[in-house]
């Protein structure tokens, strides 16, 4: 998985501990659409493991076992409220048929 993050997203993640937790969420509406969850602190009830990553400024963590991962994950910072927004292979969602 290639991980690309904007400078503002990297700065936000660094000031919040330097870790980025990435997982798949299933919505209750829209036929069970899968979206990407990210946080700088591990959410409860999920066990994570760190991914190998070429970016030394960011420590990405994924669920164990993690299932299918994107070819590329892009991370941007949204400003109101400040939060990290991930894009899986260019989009903010994962196909509902994906095995996650």
PDB file of N, CA and C in Angstrom:
ATOM      1  N   UNK A   1       0.846  -1.173   0.000  1.00  0.00           N
ATOM      2  CA  UNK A   1       0.000   0.000   0.000  1.00  0.00           C
ATOM      3  C   UNK A   1       0.890   1.234   0.000  1.00  0.00           C
ATOM      4  N   UNK A   2       0.671   2.116  -0.977  1.00  0.00           N
ATOM      5  CA  UNK A   2       1.359   3.411  -0.994  1.00  0.00           C
ATOM      6  C   UNK A   2       0.559   4.359  -0.116  1.00  0.00           C
ATOM      7  N   UNK A   3       1.237   5.088   0.723  1.00  0.00           N
ATOM      8  CA  UNK A   3       0.592   6.044   1.609  1.00  0.00           C
ATOM      9  C   UNK A   3       1.111   7.422   1.283  1.00  0.00           C
ATOM     10  N   UNK A   4       0.208   8.330   0.944  1.00  0.00           N
ATOM     11  CA  UNK A   4       0.577   9.711   0.641  1.00  0.00           C
ATOM     12  C   UNK A   4      -0.245  10.627   1.534  1.00  0.00           C
ATOM     13  N   UNK A   5       0.415  11.588   2.140  1.00  0.00           N
ATOM     14  CA  UNK A   5      -0.280  12.516   3.033  1.00  0.00           C
ATOM     15  C   UNK A   5       0.166  13.934   2.725  1.00  0.00           C
ATOM     16  N   UNK A   6      -0.795  14.850   2.787  1.00  0.00           N
ATOM     17  CA  UNK A   6      -0.454  16.262   2.589  1.00  0.00           C
ATOM     18  C   UNK A   6       0.380  16.731   3.774  1.00  0.00           C
ATOM     19  N   UNK A   7       1.110  17.820   3.573  1.00  0.00           N
ATOM     20  CA  UNK A   7       1.927  18.371   4.657  1.00  0.00           C
ATOM     21  C   UNK A   7       1.068  18.749   5.860  1.00  0.00           C
ATOM     22  N   UNK A   8      -0.114  19.318   5.608  1.00  0.00           N
ATOM     23  CA  UNK A   8      -0.976  19.712   6.731  1.00  0.00           C
ATOM     24  C   UNK A   8      -1.498  18.485   7.475  1.00  0.00           C
ATOM     25  N   UNK A   9      -1.793  17.405   6.761  1.00  0.00           N
ATOM     26  CA  UNK A   9      -2.237  16.171   7.422  1.00  0.00           C
ATOM     27  C   UNK A   9      -1.106  15.575   8.248  1.00  0.00           C
ATOM     28  N   UNK A  10       0.102  15.549   7.684  1.00  0.00           N
ATOM     29  CA  UNK A  10       1.253  15.038   8.432  1.00  0.00           C
ATOM     30  C   UNK A  10       1.499  15.844   9.701  1.00  0.00           C
ATOM     31  N   UNK A  11       1.418  17.162   9.589  1.00  0.00           N
ATOM     32  CA  UNK A  11       1.617  18.019  10.761  1.00  0.00           C
ATOM     33  C   UNK A  11       0.562  17.731  11.827  1.00  0.00           C
ATOM     34  N   UNK A  12      -0.696  17.588  11.420  1.00  0.00           N
ATOM     35  CA  UNK A  12      -1.782  17.283  12.353  1.00  0.00           C
ATOM     36  C   UNK A  12      -1.528  15.942  13.045  1.00  0.00           C
ATOM     37  N   UNK A  13      -1.166  14.920  12.270  1.00  0.00           N
ATOM     38  CA  UNK A  13      -0.916  13.592  12.828  1.00  0.00           C
ATOM     39  C   UNK A  13       0.276  13.631  13.777  1.00  0.00           C
ATOM     40  N   UNK A  14       1.343  14.325  13.392  1.00  0.00           N
ATOM     41  CA  UNK A  14       2.521  14.429  14.250  1.00  0.00           C
ATOM     42  C   UNK A  14       2.201  15.091  15.577  1.00  0.00           C
ATOM     43  N   UNK A  15       1.396  16.155  15.557  1.00  0.00           N
ATOM     44  CA  UNK A  15       1.062  16.855  16.807  1.00  0.00           C
ATOM     45  C   UNK A  15       0.093  16.060  17.672  1.00  0.00           C
ATOM     46  N   UNK A  16      -0.477  14.994  17.110  1.00  0.00           N
ATOM     47  CA  UNK A  16      -1.395  14.132  17.866  1.00  0.00           C
ATOM     48  C   UNK A  16      -0.799  12.739  18.090  1.00  0.00           C
ATOM     49  N   UNK A  17       0.537  12.649  18.164  1.00  0.00           N
ATOM     50  CA  UNK A  17       1.192  11.398  18.522  1.00  0.00           C
ATOM     51  C   UNK A  17       1.903  10.669  17.395  1.00  0.00           C
ATOM     52  N   UNK A  18       1.694  11.072  16.147  1.00  0.00           N
ATOM     53  CA  UNK A  18       2.419  10.469  15.027  1.00  0.00           C
ATOM     54  C   UNK A  18       1.876   9.157  14.505  1.00  0.00           C
ATOM     55  N   UNK A  19       0.758   8.696  15.049  1.00  0.00           N
ATOM     56  CA  UNK A  19       0.173   7.439  14.600  1.00  0.00           C
ATOM     57  C   UNK A  19      -1.130   7.700  13.860  1.00  0.00           C
ATOM     58  N   UNK A  20      -1.362   6.897  12.814  1.00  0.00           N
ATOM     59  CA  UNK A  20      -2.622   6.975  12.079  1.00  0.00           C
ATOM     60  C   UNK A  20      -3.244   5.589  12.046  1.00  0.00           C
ATOM     61  N   UNK A  21      -4.406   5.452  12.657  1.00  0.00           N
ATOM     62  CA  UNK A  21      -5.142   4.191  12.674  1.00  0.00           C
ATOM     63  C   UNK A  21      -6.141   4.220  11.524  1.00  0.00           C
ATOM     64  N   UNK A  22      -6.153   3.153  10.722  1.00  0.00           N
ATOM     65  CA  UNK A  22      -6.974   3.073   9.519  1.00  0.00           C
ATOM     66  C   UNK A  22      -7.799   1.794   9.592  1.00  0.00           C
ATOM     67  N   UNK A  23      -9.105   1.911   9.405  1.00  0.00           N
ATOM     68  CA  UNK A  23      -9.960   0.730   9.418  1.00  0.00           C
ATOM     69  C   UNK A  23     -11.149   0.963   8.495  1.00  0.00           C
ATOM     70  N   UNK A  24     -11.895  -0.105   8.224  1.00  0.00           N
ATOM     71  CA  UNK A  24     -13.075  -0.028   7.367  1.00  0.00           C
ATOM     72  C   UNK A  24     -14.312  -0.005   8.255  1.00  0.00           C
ATOM     73  N   UNK A  25     -15.210   0.935   7.971  1.00  0.00           N
ATOM     74  CA  UNK A  25     -16.476   1.047   8.699  1.00  0.00           C
ATOM     75  C   UNK A  25     -17.607   0.678   7.744  1.00  0.00           C
ATOM     76  N   UNK A  26     -18.620   0.003   8.262  1.00  0.00           N
ATOM     77  CA  UNK A  26     -19.790  -0.314   7.446  1.00  0.00           C
ATOM     78  C   UNK A  26     -20.947   0.535   7.932  1.00  0.00           C
ATOM     79  N   UNK A  27     -21.530   1.275   6.989  1.00  0.00           N
ATOM     80  CA  UNK A  27     -22.632   2.151   7.352  1.00  0.00           C
ATOM     81  C   UNK A  27     -23.910   1.344   7.505  1.00  0.00           C
ATOM     82  N   UNK A  28     -24.834   1.861   8.263  1.00  0.00           N
ATOM     83  CA  UNK A  28     -26.124   1.193   8.464  1.00  0.00           C
ATOM     84  C   UNK A  28     -27.109   1.543   7.364  1.00  0.00           C
ATOM     85  N   UNK A  29     -26.775   2.531   6.572  1.00  0.00           N
ATOM     86  CA  UNK A  29     -27.665   2.918   5.482  1.00  0.00           C
ATOM     87  C   UNK A  29     -27.000   2.646   4.138  1.00  0.00           C
ATOM     88  N   UNK A  30     -27.673   2.964   3.086  1.00  0.00           N
ATOM     89  CA  UNK A  30     -27.120   2.904   1.724  1.00  0.00           C
ATOM     90  C   UNK A  30     -26.645   1.516   1.333  1.00  0.00           C
ATOM     91  N   UNK A  31     -27.306   0.481   1.815  1.00  0.00           N
ATOM     92  CA  UNK A  31     -26.930  -0.877   1.446  1.00  0.00           C
ATOM     93  C   UNK A  31     -25.650  -1.369   2.086  1.00  0.00           C
ATOM     94  N   UNK A  32     -25.247  -0.772   3.185  1.00  0.00           N
ATOM     95  CA  UNK A  32     -24.045  -1.214   3.883  1.00  0.00           C
ATOM     96  C   UNK A  32     -22.761  -0.713   3.258  1.00  0.00           C
ATOM     97  N   UNK A  33     -22.773   0.526   2.784  1.00  0.00           N
ATOM     98  CA  UNK A  33     -21.599   1.134   2.173  1.00  0.00           C
ATOM     99  C   UNK A  33     -20.420   1.092   3.139  1.00  0.00           C
ATOM    100  N   UNK A  34     -19.253   0.709   2.642  1.00  0.00           N
ATOM    101  CA  UNK A  34     -18.039   0.683   3.452  1.00  0.00           C
ATOM    102  C   UNK A  34     -17.292   1.993   3.254  1.00  0.00           C
ATOM    103  N   UNK A  35     -16.900   2.613   4.357  1.00  0.00           N
ATOM    104  CA  UNK A  35     -16.095   3.826   4.311  1.00  0.00           C
ATOM    105  C   UNK A  35     -14.819   3.594   5.119  1.00  0.00           C
ATOM    106  N   UNK A  36     -13.914   4.526   5.012  1.00  0.00           N
ATOM    107  CA  UNK A  36     -12.635   4.404   5.704  1.00  0.00           C
ATOM    108  C   UNK A  36     -12.686   5.213   6.990  1.00  0.00           C
ATOM    109  N   UNK A  37     -12.317   4.581   8.079  1.00  0.00           N
ATOM    110  CA  UNK A  37     -12.195   5.287   9.341  1.00  0.00           C
ATOM    111  C   UNK A  37     -10.733   5.571   9.613  1.00  0.00           C
ATOM    112  N   UNK A  38     -10.431   6.747  10.101  1.00  0.00           N
ATOM    113  CA  UNK A  38      -9.071   7.078  10.516  1.00  0.00           C
ATOM    114  C   UNK A  38      -9.121   7.842  11.824  1.00  0.00           C
ATOM    115  N   UNK A  39      -8.086   7.693  12.608  1.00  0.00           N
ATOM    116  CA  UNK A  39      -7.982   8.422  13.871  1.00  0.00           C
ATOM    117  C   UNK A  39      -6.523   8.422  14.301  1.00  0.00           C
ATOM    118  N   UNK A  40      -6.178   9.350  15.165  1.00  0.00           N
ATOM    119  CA  UNK A  40      -4.816   9.392  15.702  1.00  0.00           C
ATOM    120  C   UNK A  40      -4.724   8.620  17.013  1.00  0.00           C
ATOM    121  N   UNK A  41      -5.849   8.100  17.489  1.00  0.00           N
ATOM    122  CA  UNK A  41      -5.880   7.221  18.653  1.00  0.00           C
ATOM    123  C   UNK A  41      -6.657   5.972  18.268  1.00  0.00           C
ATOM    124  N   UNK A  42      -6.233   4.822  18.775  1.00  0.00           N
ATOM    125  CA  UNK A  42      -6.887   3.562  18.429  1.00  0.00           C
ATOM    126  C   UNK A  42      -8.319   3.531  18.952  1.00  0.00           C
ATOM    127  N   UNK A  43      -9.270   3.202  18.070  1.00  0.00           N
ATOM    128  CA  UNK A  43     -10.640   3.048  18.547  1.00  0.00           C
ATOM    129  C   UNK A  43     -10.758   1.778  19.388  1.00  0.00           C
ATOM    130  N   UNK A  44     -11.724   1.744  20.312  1.00  0.00           N
ATOM    131  CA  UNK A  44     -11.863   0.555  21.161  1.00  0.00           C
ATOM    132  C   UNK A  44     -12.334  -0.655  20.353  1.00  0.00           C
ATOM    133  N   UNK A  45     -12.055  -1.815  20.879  1.00  0.00           N
ATOM    134  CA  UNK A  45     -12.529  -3.096  20.351  1.00  0.00           C
ATOM    135  C   UNK A  45     -11.902  -3.513  19.023  1.00  0.00           C
ATOM    136  N   UNK A  46     -10.831  -2.841  18.583  1.00  0.00           N
ATOM    137  CA  UNK A  46     -10.129  -3.251  17.366  1.00  0.00           C
ATOM    138  C   UNK A  46      -8.655  -3.425  17.727  1.00  0.00           C
ATOM    139  N   UNK A  47      -8.070  -4.544  17.326  1.00  0.00           N
ATOM    140  CA  UNK A  47      -6.650  -4.790  17.541  1.00  0.00           C
ATOM    141  C   UNK A  47      -5.910  -4.391  16.271  1.00  0.00           C
ATOM    142  N   UNK A  48      -4.890  -3.556  16.402  1.00  0.00           N
ATOM    143  CA  UNK A  48      -4.152  -3.022  15.263  1.00  0.00           C
ATOM    144  C   UNK A  48      -2.725  -3.543  15.231  1.00  0.00           C
ATOM    145  N   UNK A  49      -2.141  -3.516  14.028  1.00  0.00           N
ATOM    146  CA  UNK A  49      -0.713  -3.773  13.858  1.00  0.00           C
ATOM    147  C   UNK A  49      -0.149  -2.698  12.950  1.00  0.00           C
ATOM    148  N   UNK A  50       1.129  -2.379  13.137  1.00  0.00           N
ATOM    149  CA  UNK A  50       1.758  -1.329  12.344  1.00  0.00           C
ATOM    150  C   UNK A  50       2.165  -1.873  10.977  1.00  0.00           C
ATOM    151  N   UNK A  51       1.913  -1.081   9.929  1.00  0.00           N
ATOM    152  CA  UNK A  51       2.333  -1.416   8.573  1.00  0.00           C
ATOM    153  C   UNK A  51       3.748  -0.922   8.335  1.00  0.00           C
ATOM    154  N   UNK A  52       4.460  -1.631   7.482  1.00  0.00           N
ATOM    155  CA  UNK A  52       5.738  -1.104   7.003  1.00  0.00           C
ATOM    156  C   UNK A  52       5.416   0.117   6.164  1.00  0.00           C
ATOM    157  N   UNK A  53       6.212   1.156   6.288  1.00  0.00           N
ATOM    158  CA  UNK A  53       5.886   2.404   5.622  1.00  0.00           C
ATOM    159  C   UNK A  53       7.164   3.165   5.287  1.00  0.00           C
ATOM    160  N   UNK A  54       7.234   3.653   4.058  1.00  0.00           N
ATOM    161  CA  UNK A  54       8.410   4.418   3.633  1.00  0.00           C
ATOM    162  C   UNK A  54       8.427   5.816   4.231  1.00  0.00           C
ATOM    163  N   UNK A  55       7.283   6.325   4.647  1.00  0.00           N
ATOM    164  CA  UNK A  55       7.187   7.671   5.225  1.00  0.00           C
ATOM    165  C   UNK A  55       7.599   7.608   6.695  1.00  0.00           C
ATOM    166  N   UNK A  56       8.713   8.213   7.029  1.00  0.00           N
ATOM    167  CA  UNK A  56       9.205   8.145   8.404  1.00  0.00           C
ATOM    168  C   UNK A  56       8.461   9.085   9.346  1.00  0.00           C
ATOM    169  N   UNK A  57       7.652   9.979   8.804  1.00  0.00           N
ATOM    170  CA  UNK A  57       6.915  10.934   9.643  1.00  0.00           C
ATOM    171  C   UNK A  57       5.574  10.390  10.108  1.00  0.00           C
ATOM    172  N   UNK A  58       5.203   9.187   9.668  1.00  0.00           N
ATOM    173  CA  UNK A  58       3.871   8.673   9.933  1.00  0.00           C
ATOM    174  C   UNK A  58       3.941   7.187  10.238  1.00  0.00           C
ATOM    175  N   UNK A  59       3.278   6.755  11.297  1.00  0.00           N
ATOM    176  CA  UNK A  59       3.208   5.339  11.641  1.00  0.00           C
ATOM    177  C   UNK A  59       1.780   4.862  11.397  1.00  0.00           C
ATOM    178  N   UNK A  60       1.526   4.171  10.255  1.00  0.00           N
ATOM    179  CA  UNK A  60       0.171   3.701   9.975  1.00  0.00           C
ATOM    180  C   UNK A  60      -0.113   2.358  10.651  1.00  0.00           C
ATOM    181  N   UNK A  61      -1.312   2.231  11.193  1.00  0.00           N
ATOM    182  CA  UNK A  61      -1.751   1.003  11.846  1.00  0.00           C
ATOM    183  C   UNK A  61      -3.051   0.543  11.189  1.00  0.00           C
ATOM    184  N   UNK A  62      -3.179  -0.774  10.981  1.00  0.00           N
ATOM    185  CA  UNK A  62      -4.381  -1.362  10.388  1.00  0.00           C
ATOM    186  C   UNK A  62      -4.867  -2.488  11.293  1.00  0.00           C
ATOM    187  N   UNK A  63      -6.151  -2.866  11.175  1.00  0.00           N
ATOM    188  CA  UNK A  63      -6.654  -3.966  12.004  1.00  0.00           C
ATOM    189  C   UNK A  63      -5.918  -5.270  11.726  1.00  0.00           C
ATOM    190  N   UNK A  64      -5.860  -6.096  12.727  1.00  0.00           N
ATOM    191  CA  UNK A  64      -5.246  -7.420  12.603  1.00  0.00           C
ATOM    192  C   UNK A  64      -6.337  -8.452  12.729  1.00  0.00           C
ATOM    193  N   UNK A  65      -6.638  -9.302  11.772  1.00  0.00           N
ATOM    194  CA  UNK A  65      -6.120  -9.278  10.410  1.00  0.00           C
ATOM    195  C   UNK A  65      -6.792  -8.161   9.623  1.00  0.00           C
ATOM    196  N   UNK A  66      -6.117  -7.630   8.616  1.00  0.00           N
ATOM    197  CA  UNK A  66      -6.636  -6.444   7.946  1.00  0.00           C
ATOM    198  C   UNK A  66      -7.385  -6.705   6.656  1.00  0.00           C
ATOM    199  N   UNK A  67      -7.316  -7.881   6.069  1.00  0.00           N
ATOM    200  CA  UNK A  67      -8.040  -8.135   4.823  1.00  0.00           C
ATOM    201  C   UNK A  67      -7.465  -7.315   3.680  1.00  0.00           C
ATOM    202  N   UNK A  68      -8.307  -6.970   2.741  1.00  0.00           N
ATOM    203  CA  UNK A  68      -7.862  -6.252   1.548  1.00  0.00           C
ATOM    204  C   UNK A  68      -7.531  -4.800   1.869  1.00  0.00           C
ATOM    205  N   UNK A  69      -6.396  -4.338   1.363  1.00  0.00           N
ATOM    206  CA  UNK A  69      -5.990  -2.953   1.554  1.00  0.00           C
ATOM    207  C   UNK A  69      -5.923  -2.278   0.185  1.00  0.00           C
ATOM    208  N   UNK A  70      -6.007  -0.953   0.150  1.00  0.00           N
ATOM    209  CA  UNK A  70      -5.956  -0.259  -1.141  1.00  0.00           C
ATOM    210  C   UNK A  70      -4.549  -0.275  -1.731  1.00  0.00           C
ATOM    211  N   UNK A  71      -4.479  -0.031  -3.043  1.00  0.00           N
ATOM    212  CA  UNK A  71      -3.179   0.148  -3.678  1.00  0.00           C
ATOM    213  C   UNK A  71      -2.549   1.435  -3.161  1.00  0.00           C
ATOM    214  N   UNK A  72      -3.404   2.456  -2.983  1.00  0.00           N
ATOM    215  CA  UNK A  72      -2.925   3.761  -2.519  1.00  0.00           C
ATOM    216  C   UNK A  72      -3.924   4.338  -1.528  1.00  0.00           C
ATOM    217  N   UNK A  73      -3.420   4.905  -0.463  1.00  0.00           N
ATOM    218  CA  UNK A  73      -4.249   5.615   0.510  1.00  0.00           C
ATOM    219  C   UNK A  73      -3.696   7.032   0.607  1.00  0.00           C
ATOM    220  N   UNK A  74      -4.534   8.005   0.271  1.00  0.00           N
ATOM    221  CA  UNK A  74      -4.161   9.417   0.341  1.00  0.00           C
ATOM    222  C   UNK A  74      -4.847  10.026   1.553  1.00  0.00           C
ATOM    223  N   UNK A  75      -4.123  10.854   2.274  1.00  0.00           N
ATOM    224  CA  UNK A  75      -4.643  11.455   3.501  1.00  0.00           C
ATOM    225  C   UNK A  75      -4.538  12.971   3.388  1.00  0.00           C
ATOM    226  N   UNK A  76      -5.663  13.634   3.622  1.00  0.00           N
ATOM    227  CA  UNK A  76      -5.735  15.099   3.606  1.00  0.00           C
ATOM    228  C   UNK A  76      -6.257  15.564   4.958  1.00  0.00           C
ATOM    229  N   UNK A  77      -6.051  16.825   5.263  1.00  0.00           N
ATOM    230  CA  UNK A  77      -6.580  17.415   6.489  1.00  0.00           C
ATOM    231  C   UNK A  77      -7.782  18.267   6.134  1.00  0.00           C
ATOM    232  N   UNK A  78      -8.923  17.974   6.769  1.00  0.00           N
ATOM    233  CA  UNK A  78     -10.096  18.839   6.660  1.00  0.00           C
ATOM    234  C   UNK A  78     -10.049  19.781   7.854  1.00  0.00           C
ATOM    235  N   UNK A  79     -10.466  21.022   7.649  1.00  0.00           N
ATOM    236  CA  UNK A  79     -10.218  22.025   8.686  1.00  0.00           C
ATOM    237  C   UNK A  79     -11.368  22.293   9.648  1.00  0.00           C
ATOM    238  N   UNK A  80     -12.603  21.949   9.297  1.00  0.00           N
ATOM    239  CA  UNK A  80     -13.690  22.272  10.217  1.00  0.00           C
ATOM    240  C   UNK A  80     -14.662  21.114  10.332  1.00  0.00           C
ATOM    241  N   UNK A  81     -14.653  20.421  11.439  1.00  0.00           N
ATOM    242  CA  UNK A  81     -13.634  20.445  12.490  1.00  0.00           C
ATOM    243  C   UNK A  81     -12.363  19.771  11.986  1.00  0.00           C
ATOM    244  N   UNK A  82     -11.212  20.088  12.577  1.00  0.00           N
ATOM    245  CA  UNK A  82      -9.967  19.499  12.105  1.00  0.00           C
ATOM    246  C   UNK A  82     -10.007  17.972  12.219  1.00  0.00           C
ATOM    247  N   UNK A  83      -9.771  17.308  11.098  1.00  0.00           N
ATOM    248  CA  UNK A  83      -9.766  15.856  11.091  1.00  0.00           C
ATOM    249  C   UNK A  83      -9.052  15.360   9.838  1.00  0.00           C
ATOM    250  N   UNK A  84      -8.573  14.140   9.913  1.00  0.00           N
ATOM    251  CA  UNK A  84      -7.879  13.513   8.801  1.00  0.00           C
ATOM    252  C   UNK A  84      -8.913  12.827   7.913  1.00  0.00           C
ATOM    253  N   UNK A  85      -8.837  13.087   6.614  1.00  0.00           N
ATOM    254  CA  UNK A  85      -9.753  12.477   5.644  1.00  0.00           C
ATOM    255  C   UNK A  85      -8.955  11.565   4.723  1.00  0.00           C
ATOM    256  N   UNK A  86      -9.267  10.264   4.731  1.00  0.00           N
ATOM    257  CA  UNK A  86      -8.559   9.337   3.851  1.00  0.00           C
ATOM    258  C   UNK A  86      -9.285   9.145   2.522  1.00  0.00           C
ATOM    259  N   UNK A  87      -8.541   8.796   1.501  1.00  0.00           N
ATOM    260  CA  UNK A  87      -9.099   8.471   0.185  1.00  0.00           C
ATOM    261  C   UNK A  87      -8.499   7.150  -0.272  1.00  0.00           C
ATOM    262  N   UNK A  88      -9.328   6.111  -0.379  1.00  0.00           N
ATOM    263  CA  UNK A  88      -8.923   4.755  -0.774  1.00  0.00           C
ATOM    264  C   UNK A  88      -8.890   4.700  -2.292  1.00  0.00           C
ATOM    265  N   UNK A  89      -7.726   4.532  -2.870  1.00  0.00           N
ATOM    266  CA  UNK A  89      -7.573   4.504  -4.333  1.00  0.00           C
ATOM    267  C   UNK A  89      -8.282   5.688  -4.983  1.00  0.00           C
ATOM    268  N   UNK A  90      -8.227   6.853  -4.338  1.00  0.00           N
ATOM    269  CA  UNK A  90      -8.787   8.073  -4.900  1.00  0.00           C
ATOM    270  C   UNK A  90     -10.176   8.435  -4.427  1.00  0.00           C
ATOM    271  N   UNK A  91     -10.890   7.537  -3.749  1.00  0.00           N
ATOM    272  CA  UNK A  91     -12.261   7.827  -3.306  1.00  0.00           C
ATOM    273  C   UNK A  91     -12.418   7.715  -1.807  1.00  0.00           C
ATOM    274  N   UNK A  92     -13.456   8.353  -1.232  1.00  0.00           N
ATOM    275  CA  UNK A  92     -13.658   8.328   0.219  1.00  0.00           C
ATOM    276  C   UNK A  92     -14.417   7.095   0.708  1.00  0.00           C
ATOM    277  N   UNK A  93     -14.649   6.112  -0.163  1.00  0.00           N
ATOM    278  CA  UNK A  93     -15.388   4.921   0.226  1.00  0.00           C
ATOM    279  C   UNK A  93     -14.723   3.704  -0.400  1.00  0.00           C
ATOM    280  N   UNK A  94     -15.207   2.537   0.018  1.00  0.00           N
ATOM    281  CA  UNK A  94     -14.755   1.251  -0.498  1.00  0.00           C
ATOM    282  C   UNK A  94     -15.995   0.582  -1.075  1.00  0.00           C
ATOM    283  N   UNK A  95     -15.880  -0.105  -2.186  1.00  0.00           N
ATOM    284  CA  UNK A  95     -17.036  -0.779  -2.777  1.00  0.00           C
ATOM    285  C   UNK A  95     -17.685  -1.696  -1.760  1.00  0.00           C
ATOM    286  N   UNK A  96     -19.017  -1.725  -1.723  1.00  0.00           N
ATOM    287  CA  UNK A  96     -19.730  -2.488  -0.716  1.00  0.00           C
ATOM    288  C   UNK A  96     -19.489  -3.985  -0.840  1.00  0.00           C
ATOM    289  N   UNK A  97     -18.950  -4.445  -1.978  1.00  0.00           N
ATOM    290  CA  UNK A  97     -18.668  -5.863  -2.138  1.00  0.00           C
ATOM    291  C   UNK A  97     -17.254  -6.227  -1.714  1.00  0.00           C
ATOM    292  N   UNK A  98     -16.497  -5.256  -1.250  1.00  0.00           N
ATOM    293  CA  UNK A  98     -15.101  -5.512  -0.867  1.00  0.00           C
ATOM    294  C   UNK A  98     -15.045  -6.450   0.330  1.00  0.00           C
ATOM    295  N   UNK A  99     -14.068  -7.331   0.317  1.00  0.00           N
ATOM    296  CA  UNK A  99     -13.816  -8.191   1.481  1.00  0.00           C
ATOM    297  C   UNK A  99     -12.888  -7.420   2.401  1.00  0.00           C
ATOM    298  N   UNK A 100     -13.381  -7.083   3.576  1.00  0.00           N
ATOM    299  CA  UNK A 100     -12.567  -6.310   4.515  1.00  0.00           C
ATOM    300  C   UNK A 100     -12.452  -7.038   5.830  1.00  0.00           C
TER     301      UNK A 100
END
